[in-house]
Amino acid sequence: MRNAHAPLPQRADGLALAALLFAALCTLAAYGATGLIGKALVHLEAMNGGWQVLFWLVIAATALLFLPAFRAFAESRRAATALAAGDLVTARIETAAARENGWVTFGWGAFALIILGFASFVMMNDAAVGHTFFYLPLIQEKWWLVTRQFLINNIFIFVVAEILVLIWGLIVALARLMPGKAGQPIRALAILYCDIFRGLPAIVTLYLIGFGIPTSGLPDLIVPHIVGLFTDLSAMTVAEQRAATRIPVTWWCILALTLTYGAYVAEVYRAGIESIHWSQVSAARSLGLSYMQTMRYVVVPQAVRRIMAPLLNDFIGLQKDTALVQVVGVIDAFNQSRIIASNAFNLSAVTIVAILFVVITIPQARFVDRLIERDNARMRAGG
């Protein structure tokens, strides 16, 4: 018997019809995309029976979208029948199922359209776009040359700078939170540092430090005295002394990136530290721990667990900004790919760099996701 006070379930007929139309649209798009790709393959004289089979499989796979769409339509009809009969429970169940299958159709249909759109983009203009960005003979020939520079320079700079940023950012964050009047000038310096280096673009900092400090002559005043403590420079020629005391430009790049990202990471640390309830600090201080001991043993370990995701975002930004070191003459992967691209009049070498950066970013993101899930599970379990 129908309850007069129970709200009537909303109909899903419109969504089911839209899902059917969308499934038809996706199937037509698959037919058109495979036709476009087929014409490009004919132009390249690469068309064969295998491609034809693949095209029909793609069209058939896209047509599978009709299955959830038809289920959604059938369920919406059953919901309408149940509603007319006054069976609100069945009507709600069938309506919910219809909506679910309708949105499944839209979700996988959007996925199919994006994949088909990308494939069509690559093969547009008789595969001229694909030839520009994905010329396989050039990629096969030059991938190791680009990858080698990526490992030697980009990865090295990223790993060393990341370690230094973690340490330096924590130092700056603790300086910003230094308590009392005695800590006021330290707080002011930390705030000034963060404001300056968060305001400066990374490329400007790299240029100023990578070119400015070496040409200022400052290293020539300091480094020879330090090296002279371990090596007899008097027995060397002037050229040998300069070679022995010269700091590679890679280290100036690491310094510039550390200063830049240290300001961002310091703010992330500070947000994590301030998210810890003040009662924990009070309890630690009441037990006789000093300010630094409280930070080290109580606050910072908890804060770090809370800021893993924001830290990952900063480290991904740091990882990508290693491509900026080419402005000071470092032959990294991007600079090497630019040289290849200018010689071959093709951007496929730059595509190699893009793939390398994406490949090393995805595992980091998944690793941090696992850490966050494990930490959340431990918190839910009361650990």
Protein backbone atom coordinates (compact mmCIF):
# COMPACT_ATOMS: atom_id res chain seq x y z
CA MET A 1 0.00 0.00 0.00
CA ARG A 2 1.37 3.40 -0.94
CA ASN A 3 2.47 5.60 1.95
CA ALA A 4 1.00 9.05 1.44
CA HIS A 5 3.87 10.70 3.27
CA ALA A 6 6.69 8.89 1.42
CA PRO A 7 8.32 10.92 -1.39
CA LEU A 8 7.90 9.47 -4.86
CA PRO A 9 11.15 8.22 -6.46
CA GLN A 10 12.51 10.35 -9.28
CA ARG A 11 12.18 8.79 -12.73
CA ALA A 12 15.32 7.64 -14.59
CA ASP A 13 13.78 7.48 -18.07
CA GLY A 14 15.58 10.58 -19.32
CA LEU A 15 18.97 9.38 -18.14
CA ALA A 16 18.41 5.94 -19.70
CA LEU A 17 17.48 7.44 -23.08
CA ALA A 18 20.47 9.77 -22.89
CA ALA A 19 22.72 6.78 -22.16
CA LEU A 20 21.40 4.99 -25.27
CA LEU A 21 22.04 8.05 -27.43
CA PHE A 22 25.50 8.51 -25.92
CA ALA A 23 26.37 4.85 -26.59
CA ALA A 24 25.33 5.36 -30.23
CA LEU A 25 27.41 8.54 -30.44
CA CYS A 26 30.46 6.75 -29.06
CA THR A 27 30.05 3.89 -31.54
CA LEU A 28 29.81 6.35 -34.45
CA ALA A 29 32.88 8.15 -33.11
CA ALA A 30 34.76 4.85 -33.02
CA TYR A 31 33.77 4.18 -36.63
CA GLY A 32 34.88 7.65 -37.70
CA ALA A 33 38.15 7.51 -35.75
CA THR A 34 39.13 4.12 -37.17
CA GLY A 35 38.31 5.42 -40.64
CA LEU A 36 40.56 8.44 -40.11
CA ILE A 37 43.38 6.28 -38.80
CA GLY A 38 42.91 3.84 -41.69
CA LYS A 39 43.29 6.63 -44.27
CA ALA A 40 46.50 7.77 -42.57
CA LEU A 41 47.85 4.21 -42.63
CA VAL A 42 47.00 3.90 -46.32
CA HIS A 43 48.90 7.13 -46.96
CA LEU A 44 51.87 5.68 -45.08
CA GLU A 45 51.52 2.40 -47.03
CA ALA A 46 51.25 0.55 -43.71
CA MET A 47 47.66 -0.68 -43.97
CA ASN A 48 47.11 -4.43 -43.73
CA GLY A 49 44.57 -7.01 -42.60
CA GLY A 50 45.75 -6.86 -39.00
CA TRP A 51 44.80 -3.20 -38.73
CA GLN A 52 41.36 -3.95 -40.17
CA VAL A 53 40.76 -6.62 -37.52
CA LEU A 54 41.93 -4.22 -34.81
CA PHE A 55 39.59 -1.50 -36.08
CA TRP A 56 36.56 -3.81 -35.95
CA LEU A 57 37.54 -4.94 -32.46
CA VAL A 58 37.69 -1.31 -31.34
CA ILE A 59 34.26 -0.61 -32.82
CA ALA A 60 32.84 -3.76 -31.19
CA ALA A 61 34.37 -2.87 -27.82
CA THR A 62 32.85 0.60 -28.02
CA ALA A 63 29.48 -0.88 -28.97
CA LEU A 64 29.52 -2.78 -25.65
CA LEU A 65 28.38 0.51 -24.14
CA PHE A 66 24.90 -0.45 -25.31
CA LEU A 67 24.79 -3.21 -22.69
CA PRO A 68 24.59 -0.95 -19.60
CA ALA A 69 22.53 1.55 -21.59
CA PHE A 70 19.89 -1.08 -22.47
CA ARG A 71 19.94 -2.35 -18.88
CA ALA A 72 19.34 1.19 -17.68
CA PHE A 73 16.43 1.58 -20.08
CA ALA A 74 14.87 -1.76 -19.05
CA GLU A 75 15.25 -0.96 -15.35
CA SER A 76 13.72 2.48 -15.82
CA ARG A 77 10.71 0.84 -17.49
CA ARG A 78 10.36 -1.64 -14.63
CA ALA A 79 10.60 1.25 -12.16
CA ALA A 80 7.80 3.07 -14.00
CA THR A 81 5.62 -0.05 -13.92
CA ALA A 82 6.26 -0.56 -10.19
CA LEU A 83 5.51 3.09 -9.49
CA ALA A 84 2.21 2.84 -11.36
CA ALA A 85 1.36 -0.22 -9.27
CA GLY A 86 2.16 1.63 -6.05
CA ASP A 87 5.23 -0.53 -5.23
CA LEU A 88 7.56 2.24 -4.08
CA VAL A 89 10.27 -0.10 -2.79
CA THR A 90 10.69 -1.86 -6.12
CA ALA A 91 10.46 1.48 -7.94
CA ARG A 92 13.28 2.92 -5.87
CA ILE A 93 15.46 -0.17 -6.34
CA GLU A 94 14.97 -0.26 -10.12
CA THR A 95 15.45 3.52 -10.43
CA ALA A 96 18.73 3.36 -8.51
CA ALA A 97 19.94 0.48 -10.71
CA ALA A 98 18.92 2.37 -13.86
CA ARG A 99 20.81 5.45 -12.75
CA GLU A 100 23.87 3.37 -11.92
CA ASN A 101 23.95 1.70 -15.35
CA GLY A 102 23.28 5.02 -17.06
CA TRP A 103 26.25 6.66 -15.39
CA VAL A 104 28.38 3.59 -16.15
CA THR A 105 27.60 4.17 -19.82
CA PHE A 106 28.60 7.82 -19.59
CA GLY A 107 31.77 7.05 -17.62
CA TRP A 108 33.15 4.41 -19.97
CA GLY A 109 31.89 6.34 -22.97
CA ALA A 110 33.89 9.39 -21.92
CA PHE A 111 36.93 7.15 -21.47
CA ALA A 112 36.47 5.71 -24.98
CA LEU A 113 36.04 9.16 -26.54
CA ILE A 114 39.24 10.44 -24.96
CA ILE A 115 41.25 7.43 -26.18
CA LEU A 116 39.75 7.67 -29.67
CA GLY A 117 40.32 11.43 -29.73
CA PHE A 118 43.99 11.03 -28.83
CA ALA A 119 44.50 8.33 -31.47
CA SER A 120 42.80 10.53 -34.07
CA PHE A 121 44.94 13.50 -33.04
CA VAL A 122 48.12 11.47 -33.54
CA MET A 123 47.02 10.29 -36.99
CA MET A 124 45.56 13.59 -38.25
CA ASN A 125 46.83 15.19 -41.45
CA ASP A 126 47.96 11.82 -42.82
CA ALA A 127 49.88 11.05 -39.60
CA ALA A 128 51.87 14.29 -39.82
CA VAL A 129 51.09 15.01 -36.17
CA GLY A 130 52.27 11.57 -35.10
CA HIS A 131 55.39 11.95 -37.22
CA THR A 132 56.17 15.21 -35.44
CA PHE A 133 55.78 13.93 -31.89
CA PHE A 134 56.08 10.13 -32.10
CA TYR A 135 58.53 9.32 -34.90
CA LEU A 136 59.54 5.84 -33.78
CA PRO A 137 62.85 5.52 -35.72
CA LEU A 138 64.15 8.71 -34.10
CA ILE A 139 62.88 7.65 -30.66
CA GLN A 140 64.58 4.26 -31.00
CA GLU A 141 67.82 5.85 -32.11
CA LYS A 142 68.04 8.65 -29.52
CA TRP A 143 66.21 7.34 -26.44
CA TRP A 144 69.36 6.19 -24.63
CA LEU A 145 71.21 9.45 -25.32
CA VAL A 146 68.35 11.42 -23.75
CA THR A 147 67.80 8.90 -20.95
CA ARG A 148 71.50 8.95 -20.06
CA GLN A 149 71.44 12.72 -19.51
CA PHE A 150 68.20 12.31 -17.58
CA LEU A 151 69.84 9.86 -15.18
CA ILE A 152 73.14 11.72 -14.87
CA ASN A 153 71.77 15.22 -14.41
CA ASN A 154 68.01 15.42 -13.82
CA ILE A 155 67.74 12.50 -11.42
CA PHE A 156 70.97 13.42 -9.63
CA ILE A 157 69.90 17.04 -9.16
CA PHE A 158 66.42 15.99 -8.05
CA VAL A 159 67.56 13.42 -5.48
CA VAL A 160 70.24 15.60 -3.91
CA ALA A 161 68.04 18.71 -3.90
CA GLU A 162 65.12 16.75 -2.43
CA ILE A 163 67.23 15.57 0.51
CA LEU A 164 68.53 19.08 1.12
CA VAL A 165 65.05 20.59 0.79
CA LEU A 166 63.64 18.21 3.40
CA ILE A 167 66.33 19.24 5.89
CA TRP A 168 66.44 22.93 5.03
CA GLY A 169 62.65 23.31 4.91
CA LEU A 170 62.31 21.79 8.39
CA ILE A 171 64.98 24.14 9.75
CA VAL A 172 63.20 27.18 8.31
CA ALA A 173 59.82 25.96 9.59
CA LEU A 174 61.18 25.54 13.12
CA ALA A 175 62.78 28.98 12.85
CA ARG A 176 59.40 30.48 11.89
CA LEU A 177 57.84 28.88 14.96
CA MET A 178 60.59 29.85 17.39
CA PRO A 179 58.79 31.00 20.59
CA GLY A 180 59.35 34.04 22.77
CA LYS A 181 60.86 37.45 22.26
CA ALA A 182 64.32 35.97 21.80
CA GLY A 183 63.05 34.11 18.75
CA GLN A 184 61.47 37.17 17.16
CA PRO A 185 64.46 38.15 14.97
CA ILE A 186 64.84 34.52 13.86
CA ARG A 187 61.17 34.40 12.96
CA ALA A 188 61.52 37.64 11.02
CA LEU A 189 64.46 36.26 9.00
CA ALA A 190 62.59 33.02 8.25
CA ILE A 191 59.50 34.95 7.11
CA LEU A 192 61.63 37.23 4.94
CA TYR A 193 63.37 34.24 3.35
CA CYS A 194 60.06 32.48 2.60
CA ASP A 195 58.50 35.63 1.13
CA ILE A 196 61.48 36.31 -1.14
CA PHE A 197 62.06 32.84 -2.53
CA ARG A 198 58.38 32.02 -2.92
CA GLY A 199 58.03 35.24 -4.89
CA LEU A 200 61.02 34.61 -7.16
CA PRO A 201 60.41 32.31 -10.16
CA ALA A 202 62.66 29.26 -10.03
CA ILE A 203 64.19 30.11 -13.41
CA VAL A 204 65.24 33.56 -12.14
CA THR A 205 66.84 32.05 -9.02
CA LEU A 206 68.67 29.50 -11.17
CA TYR A 207 69.95 32.22 -13.48
CA LEU A 208 71.07 34.51 -10.67
CA ILE A 209 72.86 31.78 -8.71
CA GLY A 210 74.09 29.67 -11.65
CA PHE A 211 75.63 32.64 -13.46
CA GLY A 212 75.89 35.29 -10.77
CA ILE A 213 77.87 33.57 -8.00
CA PRO A 214 80.56 32.03 -10.27
CA THR A 215 81.10 35.29 -12.18
CA SER A 216 81.21 37.33 -8.95
CA GLY A 217 84.54 35.74 -8.02
CA LEU A 218 83.27 34.76 -4.58
CA PRO A 219 84.07 31.04 -5.02
CA ASP A 220 87.66 31.95 -6.01
CA LEU A 221 88.11 33.65 -2.64
CA ILE A 222 86.75 30.78 -0.54
CA VAL A 223 87.14 27.44 -2.34
CA PRO A 224 90.95 27.50 -2.86
CA HIS A 225 91.50 27.91 0.88
CA ILE A 226 89.24 24.96 1.65
CA VAL A 227 90.77 22.75 -1.06
CA GLY A 228 94.26 23.81 0.09
CA LEU A 229 93.63 22.13 3.43
CA PHE A 230 93.57 18.75 1.67
CA THR A 231 95.63 19.30 -1.51
CA ASP A 232 98.93 21.02 -2.24
CA LEU A 233 97.91 23.65 -4.76
CA SER A 234 101.36 25.23 -4.95
CA ALA A 235 102.64 22.34 -7.07
CA MET A 236 99.90 22.88 -9.69
CA THR A 237 99.74 25.21 -12.64
CA VAL A 238 97.15 27.98 -12.73
CA ALA A 239 94.94 25.93 -15.06
CA GLU A 240 95.19 22.89 -12.78
CA GLN A 241 94.36 25.02 -9.74
CA ARG A 242 91.27 26.39 -11.42
CA ALA A 243 90.18 22.90 -12.44
CA ALA A 244 90.73 21.59 -8.90
CA THR A 245 88.87 24.44 -7.21
CA ARG A 246 86.05 24.90 -9.72
CA ILE A 247 82.57 24.05 -8.46
CA PRO A 248 80.50 22.34 -11.18
CA VAL A 249 77.49 24.33 -12.29
CA THR A 250 75.30 21.37 -11.33
CA TRP A 251 75.88 22.16 -7.66
CA TRP A 252 74.85 25.78 -8.16
CA CYS A 253 71.62 24.46 -9.71
CA ILE A 254 71.08 22.25 -6.67
CA LEU A 255 71.63 25.26 -4.40
CA ALA A 256 69.14 27.38 -6.36
CA LEU A 257 66.45 24.69 -6.33
CA THR A 258 67.04 24.01 -2.63
CA LEU A 259 66.56 27.67 -1.78
CA THR A 260 63.45 27.93 -3.95
CA TYR A 261 61.68 24.79 -2.81
CA GLY A 262 62.93 25.10 0.75
CA ALA A 263 60.63 28.10 1.11
CA TYR A 264 57.60 26.14 -0.12
CA VAL A 265 58.37 23.03 1.94
CA ALA A 266 58.94 25.17 5.05
CA GLU A 267 55.37 26.42 4.77
CA VAL A 268 54.13 22.85 4.35
CA TYR A 269 56.05 21.80 7.46
CA ARG A 270 54.69 24.79 9.36
CA ALA A 271 51.10 23.93 8.42
CA GLY A 272 51.63 20.35 9.57
CA ILE A 273 53.23 21.40 12.86
CA GLU A 274 50.48 23.90 13.62
CA SER A 275 47.84 21.23 12.93
CA ILE A 276 49.03 19.29 16.00
CA HIS A 277 46.88 20.20 18.98
CA TRP A 278 48.56 22.56 21.45
CA SER A 279 47.76 20.21 24.34
CA GLN A 280 50.41 17.78 23.10
CA VAL A 281 53.04 20.52 23.22
CA SER A 282 51.90 21.52 26.70
CA ALA A 283 52.00 17.93 27.91
CA ALA A 284 55.51 17.42 26.52
CA ARG A 285 56.78 20.65 28.08
CA SER A 286 55.19 19.74 31.43
CA LEU A 287 57.21 16.52 31.38
CA GLY A 288 60.41 18.52 31.16
CA LEU A 289 61.12 18.35 27.44
CA SER A 290 62.69 21.41 25.88
CA TYR A 291 61.16 23.17 22.89
CA MET A 292 63.46 21.38 20.42
CA GLN A 293 62.92 18.02 22.13
CA THR A 294 59.15 18.54 21.94
CA MET A 295 59.42 19.28 18.25
CA ARG A 296 61.70 16.32 17.61
CA TYR A 297 59.95 13.59 19.58
CA VAL A 298 56.30 14.69 19.73
CA VAL A 299 55.22 17.21 17.12
CA VAL A 300 57.31 16.73 13.97
CA PRO A 301 56.77 12.93 13.64
CA GLN A 302 53.00 13.44 13.72
CA ALA A 303 53.16 16.47 11.42
CA VAL A 304 55.18 14.64 8.79
CA ARG A 305 52.52 11.94 8.47
CA ARG A 306 49.90 14.61 7.81
CA ILE A 307 51.85 16.46 5.13
CA MET A 308 53.02 13.58 2.94
CA ALA A 309 50.63 14.44 0.10
CA PRO A 310 51.52 18.18 -0.01
CA LEU A 311 55.20 17.26 0.18
CA LEU A 312 54.75 14.99 -2.82
CA ASN A 313 53.26 17.86 -4.81
CA ASP A 314 56.29 20.02 -4.04
CA PHE A 315 58.69 17.22 -4.92
CA ILE A 316 56.95 16.61 -8.23
CA GLY A 317 57.32 20.33 -8.92
CA LEU A 318 61.00 20.12 -7.97
CA GLN A 319 61.43 17.10 -10.20
CA LYS A 320 59.92 18.94 -13.18
CA ASP A 321 61.89 22.11 -12.53
CA THR A 322 65.15 20.22 -13.00
CA ALA A 323 64.42 20.78 -16.71
CA LEU A 324 65.06 24.50 -16.07
CA VAL A 325 68.78 23.93 -15.43
CA GLN A 326 69.34 24.16 -19.17
CA VAL A 327 69.23 27.96 -18.83
CA VAL A 328 72.67 27.88 -17.18
CA GLY A 329 74.15 25.49 -19.71
CA VAL A 330 73.70 22.11 -18.05
CA ILE A 331 73.19 19.41 -20.68
CA ASP A 332 70.23 17.69 -19.06
CA ALA A 333 67.65 15.53 -20.81
CA PHE A 334 65.62 18.51 -22.02
CA ASN A 335 68.66 20.36 -23.38
CA GLN A 336 69.87 17.19 -25.08
CA SER A 337 66.45 16.66 -26.64
CA ARG A 338 66.40 20.26 -27.89
CA ILE A 339 69.73 19.71 -29.61
CA ILE A 340 68.41 16.55 -31.26
CA ALA A 341 65.16 18.27 -32.24
CA SER A 342 66.99 21.19 -33.85
CA ASN A 343 69.15 18.80 -35.87
CA ALA A 344 66.36 16.43 -36.92
CA PHE A 345 63.59 19.05 -37.27
CA ASN A 346 61.39 16.74 -35.20
CA LEU A 347 60.09 16.89 -31.62
CA SER A 348 60.05 13.17 -30.90
CA ALA A 349 63.16 13.50 -28.73
CA VAL A 350 61.29 15.97 -26.52
CA THR A 351 58.50 13.39 -26.25
CA ILE A 352 61.08 11.02 -24.75
CA VAL A 353 61.73 13.57 -21.99
CA ALA A 354 58.00 13.94 -21.34
CA ILE A 355 57.62 10.17 -21.04
CA LEU A 356 60.59 9.91 -18.66
CA PHE A 357 59.20 12.56 -16.32
CA VAL A 358 55.75 10.94 -16.28
CA VAL A 359 57.20 7.46 -15.73
CA ILE A 360 59.10 8.47 -12.59
CA THR A 361 56.23 10.59 -11.25
CA ILE A 362 53.49 7.94 -11.28
CA PRO A 363 55.27 5.43 -8.97
CA GLN A 364 55.93 8.22 -6.45
CA ALA A 365 52.26 9.17 -6.41
CA ARG A 366 51.15 5.55 -5.92
CA PHE A 367 53.75 5.03 -3.17
CA VAL A 368 52.52 8.04 -1.22
CA ASP A 369 48.91 6.89 -1.71
CA ARG A 370 49.84 3.59 -0.07
CA LEU A 371 51.57 5.38 2.80
CA ILE A 372 48.49 7.55 3.36
CA GLU A 373 46.15 4.53 3.26
CA ARG A 374 48.34 2.63 5.72
CA ASP A 375 48.50 5.59 8.07
CA ASN A 376 44.72 6.11 7.87
CA ALA A 377 44.14 2.42 8.58
CA ARG A 378 46.41 2.63 11.61
CA MET A 379 44.57 5.70 12.87
CA ARG A 380 41.18 4.01 12.44
CA ALA A 381 42.48 1.00 14.36
CA GLY A 382 43.52 3.26 17.21
CA GLY A 383 47.26 2.87 16.59
